[in-house]
Each structure stands twice: as C-alpha cells, then as structure tokens.
C-alpha cells in the first residue's frame, strides 16, 4: 500500500513532508540552525560577529560578557571563521594568547561558558583535566540532558512545546518571554534537549 503524502507542517509551505513532518528544505534548516524557519539571512553577518569580538577584546569587567549571537545546543557561544565552526571562547584565547599548547582547550574561570560568557578575562588555556576540574568546582558538569544552570521547569518546557507553532520569530519571542537563550528554545521545540521526567 502506497504511503500518503502529507504537506510540510510549516504554514504556507506546499512541499511534501519527509522528516519530522517538515519538507526537505525546512528539515535541513532545522538540522543546521535548530529552527526550520531560520535562514542565513536571519543570522548576523560574520563580519558583525568578528567586529563585536574586536570591540570587546579589551573588556576587563568582573561580570560575565554574554555573546549576543549564535549558541550551540549546550549554550556555548559559536562562530564560523575561515570555514570552521568554533567556540568564541577558543577564538578569543587564540586572539589574546596565541595558539594553545598541545591538547589544551579554552576554559572559563567563571564557570559560565554554557551560559554564553565570552569575557576575555574569564577565559584561558587549560588541559582537559584542568577544565574538567573547573566544571566540577563550579558544579557545571552535565549530568543529564537538562542544562546544569537551567531556569525552566518541566511544566514551562511542556508549555513552550505546546505553544510553539513554527511561526517565524516565535522562538525569539519565547526566549525573551522566559529569559533564556534562543538556542535553548530551539533545543526545546526540536526535542533535542529537555527530556521531561515523570
């Protein structure tokens, strides 16, 4: 028996759904950006992100400096440079201290790398063991799917999933409303994060 063709669940899209009830185009956008409605046009120009970093390399405040652009699904600030995706903290370490010693990674003194902190005076090169010890000391080691510094309850996550309809700009509005990052909302509505318990 031939399977029925269903339209993509995105309003106004007449293409046939292939995966997760989205057409191929929207599914590929979700894979790349965590949101089926986001396009490259919605993202800041890469020159803007590099300019922002240059303007903030001299920041010496004690407060965390939170990256206002793209975050990965763990909350880390991300950037694409010379065709390579990398964490902004690593880019800042390379800019300030040069290339890392062998097998070192960018570590956060503040313990808020997963909250998008990119303050230049909060990052340094550290060995994997030193970085893991930092995470243990700060209590930020991931123990399950839920974000260690989460602000949302299971009930709020369920409400966000119920309210999300796939409309353009809705994830940004939900992020603002709940006081979390855009990437957190992307992870919630895509099902990649926040397994509900009970």
N, C-alpha and C. Protein backbone atom coordinates (compact mmCIF):
# COMPACT_ATOMS: atom_id res chain seq x y z
N UNK A 1 0.84 -1.18 0.00
CA UNK A 1 0.00 0.00 0.00
C UNK A 1 0.89 1.24 0.00
N UNK A 2 0.60 2.16 -0.89
CA UNK A 2 1.42 3.37 -1.03
C UNK A 2 1.17 4.32 0.14
N UNK A 3 2.27 4.87 0.68
CA UNK A 3 2.14 5.82 1.80
C UNK A 3 1.54 7.12 1.29
N UNK A 4 0.74 7.75 2.14
CA UNK A 4 0.12 9.03 1.78
C UNK A 4 1.15 10.14 1.88
N UNK A 5 1.02 11.13 0.99
CA UNK A 5 1.88 12.29 1.05
C UNK A 5 1.20 13.37 1.87
N UNK A 6 1.92 13.89 2.86
CA UNK A 6 1.41 14.95 3.71
C UNK A 6 2.18 16.22 3.43
N UNK A 7 1.50 17.36 3.53
CA UNK A 7 2.23 18.62 3.33
C UNK A 7 3.11 18.93 4.54
N UNK A 8 4.14 19.71 4.30
CA UNK A 8 5.02 20.20 5.35
C UNK A 8 4.17 20.93 6.39
N UNK A 9 4.50 20.78 7.67
CA UNK A 9 3.69 21.38 8.73
C UNK A 9 3.93 22.89 8.89
N UNK A 10 4.89 23.45 8.16
CA UNK A 10 5.14 24.89 8.22
C UNK A 10 4.05 25.61 7.43
N UNK A 11 3.40 26.58 8.08
CA UNK A 11 2.33 27.34 7.41
C UNK A 11 2.82 27.93 6.10
N UNK A 12 2.03 27.73 5.05
CA UNK A 12 2.33 28.32 3.75
C UNK A 12 3.26 27.51 2.89
N UNK A 13 3.79 26.41 3.40
CA UNK A 13 4.71 25.57 2.63
C UNK A 13 3.89 24.47 1.97
N UNK A 14 3.98 24.38 0.65
CA UNK A 14 3.19 23.39 -0.10
C UNK A 14 3.99 22.12 -0.41
N UNK A 15 5.25 22.07 0.01
CA UNK A 15 6.07 20.89 -0.27
C UNK A 15 5.60 19.69 0.55
N UNK A 16 6.00 18.52 0.10
CA UNK A 16 5.64 17.27 0.79
C UNK A 16 6.57 17.04 1.97
N UNK A 17 5.99 16.65 3.10
CA UNK A 17 6.77 16.37 4.30
C UNK A 17 7.61 15.13 4.09
N UNK A 18 8.84 15.16 4.64
CA UNK A 18 9.69 13.97 4.52
C UNK A 18 10.15 13.49 5.90
N UNK A 19 10.60 14.41 6.77
CA UNK A 19 11.07 14.02 8.11
C UNK A 19 10.55 15.01 9.13
N UNK A 20 10.16 14.48 10.30
CA UNK A 20 9.63 15.30 11.40
C UNK A 20 8.46 16.17 10.94
N UNK A 21 7.75 15.72 9.93
CA UNK A 21 6.60 16.42 9.36
C UNK A 21 6.99 17.72 8.67
N UNK A 22 8.29 17.86 8.28
CA UNK A 22 8.77 19.02 7.53
C UNK A 22 9.22 18.55 6.16
N UNK A 23 9.20 19.46 5.20
CA UNK A 23 9.76 19.17 3.89
C UNK A 23 11.28 19.13 4.02
N UNK A 24 11.94 18.72 2.96
CA UNK A 24 13.40 18.61 2.98
C UNK A 24 14.07 19.94 3.30
N UNK A 25 13.58 21.04 2.71
CA UNK A 25 14.19 22.36 2.94
C UNK A 25 14.11 22.76 4.41
N UNK A 26 12.92 22.63 5.01
CA UNK A 26 12.76 23.03 6.41
C UNK A 26 13.49 22.07 7.36
N UNK A 27 13.54 20.79 6.98
CA UNK A 27 14.27 19.83 7.80
C UNK A 27 15.76 20.15 7.80
N UNK A 28 16.30 20.48 6.64
CA UNK A 28 17.72 20.84 6.55
C UNK A 28 18.03 22.10 7.34
N UNK A 29 17.13 23.08 7.34
CA UNK A 29 17.32 24.29 8.15
C UNK A 29 17.33 23.94 9.64
N UNK A 30 16.44 23.02 10.03
CA UNK A 30 16.40 22.61 11.43
C UNK A 30 17.72 21.92 11.82
N UNK A 31 18.23 21.03 10.93
CA UNK A 31 19.49 20.36 11.22
C UNK A 31 20.64 21.37 11.38
N UNK A 32 20.65 22.38 10.53
CA UNK A 32 21.76 23.34 10.53
C UNK A 32 21.64 24.38 11.63
N UNK A 33 20.41 24.89 11.86
CA UNK A 33 20.24 26.03 12.77
C UNK A 33 19.44 25.72 14.03
N UNK A 34 18.78 24.53 14.07
CA UNK A 34 17.94 24.23 15.22
C UNK A 34 16.56 24.83 15.11
N UNK A 35 16.23 25.40 13.94
CA UNK A 35 14.94 26.05 13.71
C UNK A 35 14.61 25.91 12.23
N UNK A 36 13.47 25.31 11.88
CA UNK A 36 13.15 25.12 10.47
C UNK A 36 12.87 26.41 9.70
N UNK A 37 12.65 27.50 10.43
CA UNK A 37 12.32 28.76 9.76
C UNK A 37 13.51 29.70 9.58
N UNK A 38 14.62 29.38 10.21
CA UNK A 38 15.78 30.27 10.15
C UNK A 38 16.53 30.07 8.83
N UNK A 39 16.95 31.18 8.23
CA UNK A 39 17.78 31.13 7.04
C UNK A 39 19.07 31.87 7.34
N UNK A 40 20.02 31.79 6.43
CA UNK A 40 21.29 32.51 6.61
C UNK A 40 21.04 34.01 6.77
N UNK A 41 19.98 34.52 6.12
CA UNK A 41 19.67 35.95 6.19
C UNK A 41 19.34 36.37 7.62
N UNK A 42 18.76 35.44 8.40
CA UNK A 42 18.38 35.74 9.78
C UNK A 42 19.59 35.84 10.71
N UNK A 43 20.72 35.29 10.28
CA UNK A 43 21.91 35.31 11.12
C UNK A 43 22.70 36.58 10.87
N UNK A 44 23.42 37.08 11.89
CA UNK A 44 24.22 38.27 11.69
C UNK A 44 25.33 37.99 10.69
N UNK A 45 25.75 39.01 9.99
CA UNK A 45 26.87 38.90 9.08
C UNK A 45 28.11 38.48 9.89
N UNK A 46 28.90 37.59 9.33
CA UNK A 46 30.08 37.12 10.06
C UNK A 46 31.02 38.27 10.38
N UNK A 47 31.03 39.29 9.53
CA UNK A 47 31.83 40.47 9.82
C UNK A 47 31.35 41.18 11.07
N UNK A 48 30.03 41.14 11.30
CA UNK A 48 29.47 41.77 12.50
C UNK A 48 29.93 41.04 13.76
N UNK A 49 29.97 39.71 13.71
CA UNK A 49 30.38 38.95 14.89
C UNK A 49 31.86 39.17 15.19
N UNK A 50 32.69 39.18 14.14
CA UNK A 50 34.12 39.43 14.35
C UNK A 50 34.37 40.84 14.85
N UNK A 51 33.59 41.79 14.32
CA UNK A 51 33.72 43.18 14.77
C UNK A 51 33.35 43.28 16.26
N UNK A 52 32.29 42.58 16.66
CA UNK A 52 31.85 42.58 18.07
C UNK A 52 32.98 42.05 18.96
N UNK A 53 33.63 40.97 18.52
CA UNK A 53 34.73 40.41 19.31
C UNK A 53 35.86 41.43 19.43
N UNK A 54 36.24 42.02 18.31
CA UNK A 54 37.33 43.01 18.34
C UNK A 54 37.01 44.17 19.29
N UNK A 55 35.76 44.60 19.29
CA UNK A 55 35.35 45.71 20.16
C UNK A 55 35.36 45.33 21.64
N UNK A 56 35.30 44.03 21.94
CA UNK A 56 35.20 43.59 23.34
C UNK A 56 36.44 42.86 23.85
N UNK A 57 37.50 42.75 23.03
CA UNK A 57 38.71 42.06 23.48
C UNK A 57 39.38 42.76 24.67
N UNK A 58 39.13 44.05 24.82
CA UNK A 58 39.76 44.78 25.93
C UNK A 58 38.87 44.82 27.18
N UNK A 59 37.71 44.15 27.13
CA UNK A 59 36.80 44.14 28.28
C UNK A 59 37.49 43.52 29.49
N UNK A 60 37.45 44.22 30.63
CA UNK A 60 38.09 43.73 31.84
C UNK A 60 37.15 43.70 33.05
N UNK A 61 35.84 43.83 32.80
CA UNK A 61 34.88 43.82 33.90
C UNK A 61 34.82 42.47 34.60
N UNK A 62 34.34 42.50 35.84
CA UNK A 62 34.21 41.25 36.60
C UNK A 62 32.98 40.46 36.18
N UNK A 63 31.96 41.16 35.68
CA UNK A 63 30.73 40.49 35.24
C UNK A 63 30.98 39.71 33.95
N UNK A 64 30.23 38.64 33.76
CA UNK A 64 30.32 37.88 32.52
C UNK A 64 29.89 38.75 31.35
N UNK A 65 30.51 38.53 30.21
CA UNK A 65 30.15 39.20 28.96
C UNK A 65 29.47 38.14 28.11
N UNK A 66 28.16 38.29 27.89
CA UNK A 66 27.38 37.24 27.22
C UNK A 66 27.31 37.49 25.72
N UNK A 67 27.63 36.48 24.96
CA UNK A 67 27.63 36.51 23.50
C UNK A 67 26.20 36.72 22.99
N UNK A 68 25.96 37.77 22.17
CA UNK A 68 24.60 38.07 21.73
C UNK A 68 24.17 37.36 20.44
N UNK A 69 25.04 36.50 19.90
CA UNK A 69 24.73 35.85 18.63
C UNK A 69 24.46 34.36 18.83
N UNK A 70 24.90 33.53 17.91
CA UNK A 70 24.57 32.10 17.90
C UNK A 70 25.24 31.33 19.03
N UNK A 71 24.46 30.41 19.64
CA UNK A 71 24.95 29.49 20.68
C UNK A 71 24.70 28.06 20.19
N UNK A 72 25.52 27.12 20.61
CA UNK A 72 25.25 25.73 20.26
C UNK A 72 24.20 25.16 21.21
N UNK A 73 23.84 23.89 21.03
CA UNK A 73 22.76 23.32 21.85
C UNK A 73 23.15 23.07 23.29
N UNK A 74 24.42 23.32 23.65
CA UNK A 74 24.84 23.24 25.06
C UNK A 74 24.91 24.63 25.68
N UNK A 75 24.72 25.67 24.88
CA UNK A 75 24.74 27.04 25.39
C UNK A 75 26.01 27.80 25.10
N UNK A 76 27.04 27.13 24.57
CA UNK A 76 28.30 27.80 24.27
C UNK A 76 28.17 28.74 23.08
N UNK A 77 28.85 29.88 23.15
CA UNK A 77 28.89 30.84 22.05
C UNK A 77 29.66 30.24 20.89
N UNK A 78 29.10 30.36 19.67
CA UNK A 78 29.72 29.77 18.48
C UNK A 78 29.93 30.82 17.41
N UNK A 79 30.95 30.59 16.58
CA UNK A 79 31.25 31.47 15.45
C UNK A 79 31.85 30.62 14.33
N UNK A 80 31.72 31.11 13.11
CA UNK A 80 32.34 30.43 11.96
C UNK A 80 33.43 31.34 11.43
N UNK A 81 34.65 30.83 11.41
CA UNK A 81 35.80 31.60 10.95
C UNK A 81 36.59 30.77 9.94
N UNK A 82 36.82 31.35 8.76
CA UNK A 82 37.59 30.66 7.71
C UNK A 82 37.04 29.27 7.42
N UNK A 83 35.71 29.16 7.36
CA UNK A 83 35.06 27.90 7.03
C UNK A 83 35.04 26.90 8.16
N UNK A 84 35.41 27.32 9.38
CA UNK A 84 35.48 26.40 10.51
C UNK A 84 34.59 26.90 11.64
N UNK A 85 33.73 26.02 12.17
CA UNK A 85 32.92 26.37 13.34
C UNK A 85 33.78 26.21 14.58
N UNK A 86 33.71 27.19 15.47
CA UNK A 86 34.48 27.09 16.70
C UNK A 86 33.80 27.85 17.81
N UNK A 87 34.17 27.52 19.05
CA UNK A 87 33.64 28.26 20.18
C UNK A 87 34.30 29.63 20.23
N UNK A 88 33.50 30.63 20.57
CA UNK A 88 34.02 32.00 20.63
C UNK A 88 35.11 32.10 21.70
N UNK A 89 34.97 31.38 22.80
CA UNK A 89 35.99 31.43 23.85
C UNK A 89 37.34 30.96 23.31
N UNK A 90 37.33 29.97 22.45
CA UNK A 90 38.58 29.49 21.84
C UNK A 90 39.16 30.55 20.91
N UNK A 91 38.30 31.18 20.12
CA UNK A 91 38.76 32.24 19.21
C UNK A 91 39.38 33.39 20.01
N UNK A 92 38.75 33.73 21.12
CA UNK A 92 39.27 34.82 21.97
C UNK A 92 40.61 34.42 22.58
N UNK A 93 40.72 33.17 23.06
CA UNK A 93 42.00 32.71 23.60
C UNK A 93 43.10 32.77 22.54
N UNK A 94 42.78 32.34 21.31
CA UNK A 94 43.77 32.39 20.24
C UNK A 94 44.16 33.84 19.94
N UNK A 95 43.17 34.75 19.96
CA UNK A 95 43.44 36.16 19.68
C UNK A 95 44.32 36.79 20.75
N UNK A 96 44.10 36.42 22.00
CA UNK A 96 44.83 37.03 23.12
C UNK A 96 46.15 36.33 23.44
N UNK A 97 46.16 35.00 23.39
CA UNK A 97 47.31 34.24 23.89
C UNK A 97 48.03 33.42 22.82
N UNK A 98 47.54 33.48 21.58
CA UNK A 98 48.14 32.66 20.53
C UNK A 98 47.56 31.26 20.53
N UNK A 99 48.11 30.41 19.65
CA UNK A 99 47.62 29.03 19.56
C UNK A 99 47.88 28.30 20.87
N UNK A 100 47.01 27.35 21.21
CA UNK A 100 47.14 26.66 22.51
C UNK A 100 48.31 25.70 22.54
N UNK A 101 48.82 25.43 23.74
CA UNK A 101 49.77 24.32 23.86
C UNK A 101 49.05 23.04 23.43
N UNK A 102 49.76 22.01 23.14
CA UNK A 102 49.17 20.76 22.66
C UNK A 102 48.06 20.28 23.59
N UNK A 103 46.93 19.96 22.98
CA UNK A 103 45.76 19.37 23.66
C UNK A 103 45.21 20.22 24.80
N UNK A 104 45.30 21.53 24.67
CA UNK A 104 44.66 22.43 25.63
C UNK A 104 43.33 22.91 25.04
N UNK A 105 42.43 23.32 25.90
CA UNK A 105 41.13 23.84 25.47
C UNK A 105 40.85 25.14 26.21
N UNK A 106 39.91 25.89 25.68
CA UNK A 106 39.54 27.15 26.32
C UNK A 106 38.68 26.84 27.55
N UNK A 107 39.12 27.33 28.70
CA UNK A 107 38.41 27.08 29.96
C UNK A 107 37.90 28.41 30.51
N UNK A 108 36.81 28.34 31.26
CA UNK A 108 36.19 29.54 31.85
C UNK A 108 36.45 29.59 33.35
N UNK A 109 37.05 30.67 33.81
CA UNK A 109 37.27 30.87 35.25
C UNK A 109 35.94 31.04 35.99
N UNK A 110 34.95 31.59 35.30
CA UNK A 110 33.66 31.91 35.93
C UNK A 110 32.72 30.72 36.01
N UNK A 111 32.97 29.68 35.20
CA UNK A 111 32.08 28.53 35.17
C UNK A 111 30.81 28.77 34.39
N UNK A 112 30.79 29.82 33.56
CA UNK A 112 29.56 30.14 32.84
C UNK A 112 29.72 30.09 31.32
N UNK A 113 30.59 29.23 30.87
CA UNK A 113 30.75 29.04 29.42
C UNK A 113 29.47 28.58 28.77
N UNK A 114 28.71 27.71 29.49
CA UNK A 114 27.45 27.21 28.93
C UNK A 114 26.33 28.25 29.01
N UNK A 115 26.62 29.37 29.63
CA UNK A 115 25.66 30.47 29.66
C UNK A 115 26.05 31.52 28.61
N UNK A 116 27.05 31.21 27.79
CA UNK A 116 27.45 32.10 26.71
C UNK A 116 28.46 33.16 27.09
N UNK A 117 29.12 33.01 28.26
CA UNK A 117 30.13 34.00 28.67
C UNK A 117 31.34 33.93 27.74
N UNK A 118 31.77 35.09 27.26
CA UNK A 118 32.97 35.19 26.43
C UNK A 118 33.89 36.31 26.93
N UNK A 119 33.75 36.68 28.19
CA UNK A 119 34.59 37.74 28.75
C UNK A 119 36.05 37.33 28.60
N UNK A 120 36.87 38.17 27.94
CA UNK A 120 38.27 37.80 27.70
C UNK A 120 39.05 37.46 28.97
N UNK A 121 38.76 38.16 30.07
CA UNK A 121 39.49 37.88 31.31
C UNK A 121 38.89 36.70 32.08
N UNK A 122 37.88 36.04 31.51
CA UNK A 122 37.31 34.84 32.14
C UNK A 122 37.77 33.57 31.45
N UNK A 123 38.49 33.69 30.32
CA UNK A 123 38.91 32.50 29.57
C UNK A 123 40.43 32.38 29.56
N UNK A 124 40.88 31.13 29.49
CA UNK A 124 42.31 30.84 29.47
C UNK A 124 42.51 29.46 28.85
N UNK A 125 43.75 29.14 28.47
CA UNK A 125 44.06 27.79 28.02
C UNK A 125 44.22 26.89 29.24
N UNK A 126 43.67 25.68 29.15
CA UNK A 126 43.79 24.70 30.24
C UNK A 126 43.81 23.31 29.64
N UNK A 127 44.39 22.38 30.35
CA UNK A 127 44.34 20.99 29.90
C UNK A 127 42.92 20.47 30.09
N UNK A 128 42.63 19.36 29.47
CA UNK A 128 41.30 18.74 29.63
C UNK A 128 41.05 18.44 31.11
N UNK A 129 42.05 17.92 31.81
CA UNK A 129 41.88 17.60 33.23
C UNK A 129 41.61 18.86 34.05
N UNK A 130 42.32 19.95 33.76
CA UNK A 130 42.10 21.21 34.47
C UNK A 130 40.70 21.75 34.21
N UNK A 131 40.26 21.65 32.94
CA UNK A 131 38.92 22.13 32.58
C UNK A 131 37.84 21.30 33.27
N UNK A 132 38.02 19.99 33.32
CA UNK A 132 37.05 19.12 33.99
C UNK A 132 37.02 19.41 35.49
N UNK A 133 38.19 19.70 36.08
CA UNK A 133 38.23 20.05 37.50
C UNK A 133 37.49 21.36 37.75
N UNK A 134 37.63 22.32 36.81
CA UNK A 134 36.89 23.58 36.91
C UNK A 134 35.38 23.33 36.90
N UNK A 135 34.93 22.48 35.97
CA UNK A 135 33.50 22.18 35.86
C UNK A 135 32.98 21.55 37.16
N UNK A 136 33.79 20.66 37.72
CA UNK A 136 33.40 20.02 38.98
C UNK A 136 33.30 21.07 40.10
N UNK A 137 34.30 21.96 40.16
CA UNK A 137 34.32 23.01 41.20
C UNK A 137 33.15 23.98 41.04
N UNK A 138 32.79 24.29 39.80
CA UNK A 138 31.68 25.23 39.55
C UNK A 138 30.32 24.54 39.56
N UNK A 139 30.31 23.21 39.57
CA UNK A 139 29.04 22.48 39.54
C UNK A 139 28.35 22.57 38.19
N UNK A 140 29.15 22.66 37.12
CA UNK A 140 28.56 22.82 35.78
C UNK A 140 28.75 21.60 34.89
N UNK A 141 29.24 20.52 35.44
CA UNK A 141 29.38 19.31 34.63
C UNK A 141 28.00 18.77 34.30
N UNK A 142 27.76 18.47 33.02
CA UNK A 142 26.46 17.94 32.63
C UNK A 142 26.29 16.52 33.18
N UNK A 143 25.19 16.32 33.89
CA UNK A 143 24.91 15.00 34.45
C UNK A 143 23.77 14.30 33.72
N UNK A 144 23.01 15.08 32.94
CA UNK A 144 21.91 14.52 32.17
C UNK A 144 21.62 15.49 31.03
N UNK A 145 20.52 15.29 30.33
CA UNK A 145 20.18 16.15 29.20
C UNK A 145 19.87 17.57 29.63
N UNK A 146 19.37 17.75 30.81
CA UNK A 146 18.95 19.08 31.26
C UNK A 146 20.15 19.98 31.49
N UNK A 147 20.03 21.22 31.11
CA UNK A 147 21.09 22.20 31.28
C UNK A 147 21.39 22.37 32.76
N UNK A 148 22.67 22.36 33.18
CA UNK A 148 23.00 22.41 34.61
C UNK A 148 22.61 23.72 35.27
N UNK A 149 22.50 24.79 34.50
CA UNK A 149 22.15 26.08 35.08
C UNK A 149 20.74 26.48 34.62
N UNK A 150 19.88 25.49 34.45
CA UNK A 150 18.57 25.71 33.87
C UNK A 150 17.70 26.65 34.70
N UNK A 151 16.89 27.42 33.99
CA UNK A 151 15.94 28.31 34.64
C UNK A 151 14.52 27.81 34.48
N UNK A 152 14.32 26.81 33.63
CA UNK A 152 12.98 26.37 33.29
C UNK A 152 12.59 25.09 34.03
N UNK A 153 11.31 25.01 34.38
CA UNK A 153 10.78 23.79 34.99
C UNK A 153 10.24 22.89 33.89
N UNK A 154 9.98 21.63 34.22
CA UNK A 154 9.38 20.72 33.25
C UNK A 154 8.04 21.25 32.75
N UNK A 155 7.27 21.88 33.64
CA UNK A 155 5.98 22.43 33.26
C UNK A 155 6.14 23.55 32.23
N UNK A 156 7.14 24.43 32.43
CA UNK A 156 7.38 25.51 31.47
C UNK A 156 7.82 24.95 30.12
N UNK A 157 8.67 23.92 30.14
CA UNK A 157 9.13 23.30 28.90
C UNK A 157 7.95 22.72 28.14
N UNK A 158 7.06 22.02 28.85
CA UNK A 158 5.88 21.44 28.21
C UNK A 158 4.99 22.54 27.61
N UNK A 159 4.86 23.67 28.32
CA UNK A 159 4.05 24.78 27.82
C UNK A 159 4.67 25.38 26.57
N UNK A 160 5.99 25.54 26.55
CA UNK A 160 6.68 26.07 25.37
C UNK A 160 6.44 25.18 24.17
N UNK A 161 6.56 23.87 24.37
CA UNK A 161 6.34 22.93 23.26
C UNK A 161 4.90 22.99 22.76
N UNK A 162 3.97 23.15 23.69
CA UNK A 162 2.55 23.22 23.31
C UNK A 162 2.26 24.49 22.52
N UNK A 163 2.88 25.59 22.94
CA UNK A 163 2.61 26.90 22.32
C UNK A 163 3.30 27.09 20.97
N UNK A 164 4.39 26.36 20.74
CA UNK A 164 5.18 26.58 19.52
C UNK A 164 4.42 26.07 18.30
N UNK A 165 4.25 26.97 17.33
CA UNK A 165 3.51 26.62 16.11
C UNK A 165 4.37 26.65 14.86
N UNK A 166 5.63 27.07 15.00
CA UNK A 166 6.51 27.12 13.83
C UNK A 166 6.51 28.46 13.12
N UNK A 167 5.81 29.45 13.69
CA UNK A 167 5.76 30.77 13.04
C UNK A 167 7.12 31.45 13.14
N UNK A 168 7.47 32.21 12.11
CA UNK A 168 8.72 32.96 12.08
C UNK A 168 8.81 33.92 13.26
N UNK A 169 9.93 33.91 13.93
CA UNK A 169 10.16 34.81 15.04
C UNK A 169 9.62 34.34 16.38
N UNK A 170 8.87 33.24 16.38
CA UNK A 170 8.24 32.79 17.62
C UNK A 170 9.26 32.30 18.65
N UNK A 171 10.32 31.64 18.19
CA UNK A 171 11.32 31.14 19.14
C UNK A 171 12.00 32.30 19.85
N UNK A 172 12.29 33.37 19.14
CA UNK A 172 12.92 34.56 19.75
C UNK A 172 11.99 35.15 20.81
N UNK A 173 10.69 35.23 20.48
CA UNK A 173 9.73 35.78 21.44
C UNK A 173 9.63 34.91 22.69
N UNK A 174 9.62 33.59 22.50
CA UNK A 174 9.56 32.68 23.64
C UNK A 174 10.83 32.79 24.49
N UNK A 175 11.98 32.93 23.84
CA UNK A 175 13.25 33.09 24.57
C UNK A 175 13.21 34.34 25.42
N UNK A 176 12.73 35.44 24.85
CA UNK A 176 12.63 36.70 25.59
C UNK A 176 11.65 36.57 26.75
N UNK A 177 10.51 35.93 26.48
CA UNK A 177 9.47 35.79 27.50
C UNK A 177 9.95 34.97 28.70
N UNK A 178 10.70 33.89 28.43
CA UNK A 178 11.13 33.01 29.52
C UNK A 178 12.53 33.33 30.04
N UNK A 179 13.19 34.32 29.44
CA UNK A 179 14.50 34.74 29.92
C UNK A 179 15.60 33.71 29.69
N UNK A 180 15.52 33.00 28.55
CA UNK A 180 16.54 32.02 28.21
C UNK A 180 17.07 32.35 26.82
N UNK A 181 18.09 31.64 26.39
CA UNK A 181 18.69 31.91 25.08
C UNK A 181 17.83 31.34 23.96
N UNK A 182 18.04 31.90 22.78
CA UNK A 182 17.36 31.42 21.58
C UNK A 182 17.67 29.94 21.36
N UNK A 183 18.96 29.55 21.57
CA UNK A 183 19.34 28.16 21.34
C UNK A 183 18.64 27.21 22.31
N UNK A 184 18.33 27.69 23.52
CA UNK A 184 17.60 26.86 24.48
C UNK A 184 16.20 26.55 23.94
N UNK A 185 15.53 27.58 23.43
CA UNK A 185 14.19 27.38 22.85
C UNK A 185 14.27 26.47 21.63
N UNK A 186 15.29 26.66 20.77
CA UNK A 186 15.47 25.78 19.61
C UNK A 186 15.58 24.33 20.04
N UNK A 187 16.39 24.09 21.08
CA UNK A 187 16.56 22.72 21.57
C UNK A 187 15.30 22.14 22.15
N UNK A 188 14.50 22.98 22.81
CA UNK A 188 13.25 22.51 23.41
C UNK A 188 12.25 22.11 22.34
N UNK A 189 12.00 23.00 21.36
CA UNK A 189 10.96 22.72 20.38
C UNK A 189 11.37 21.65 19.38
N UNK A 190 12.69 21.46 19.21
CA UNK A 190 13.14 20.42 18.28
C UNK A 190 13.19 19.05 18.95
N UNK A 191 13.13 19.04 20.30
CA UNK A 191 13.18 17.78 21.01
C UNK A 191 14.59 17.29 21.29
N UNK A 192 15.62 18.10 20.94
CA UNK A 192 17.00 17.69 21.17
C UNK A 192 17.41 17.86 22.62
N UNK A 193 16.69 18.68 23.37
CA UNK A 193 17.04 18.95 24.77
C UNK A 193 15.80 18.83 25.63
N UNK A 194 16.03 18.75 26.92
CA UNK A 194 14.95 18.82 27.91
C UNK A 194 14.01 17.62 27.86
N UNK A 195 14.56 16.46 28.14
CA UNK A 195 13.67 15.30 28.29
C UNK A 195 12.84 15.52 29.55
N UNK A 196 11.52 15.41 29.40
CA UNK A 196 10.63 15.60 30.55
C UNK A 196 10.57 14.32 31.37
N UNK A 197 10.58 14.46 32.66
CA UNK A 197 10.56 13.30 33.55
C UNK A 197 9.20 13.20 34.24
N UNK A 198 8.81 11.98 34.56
CA UNK A 198 7.55 11.78 35.28
C UNK A 198 6.43 11.71 34.34
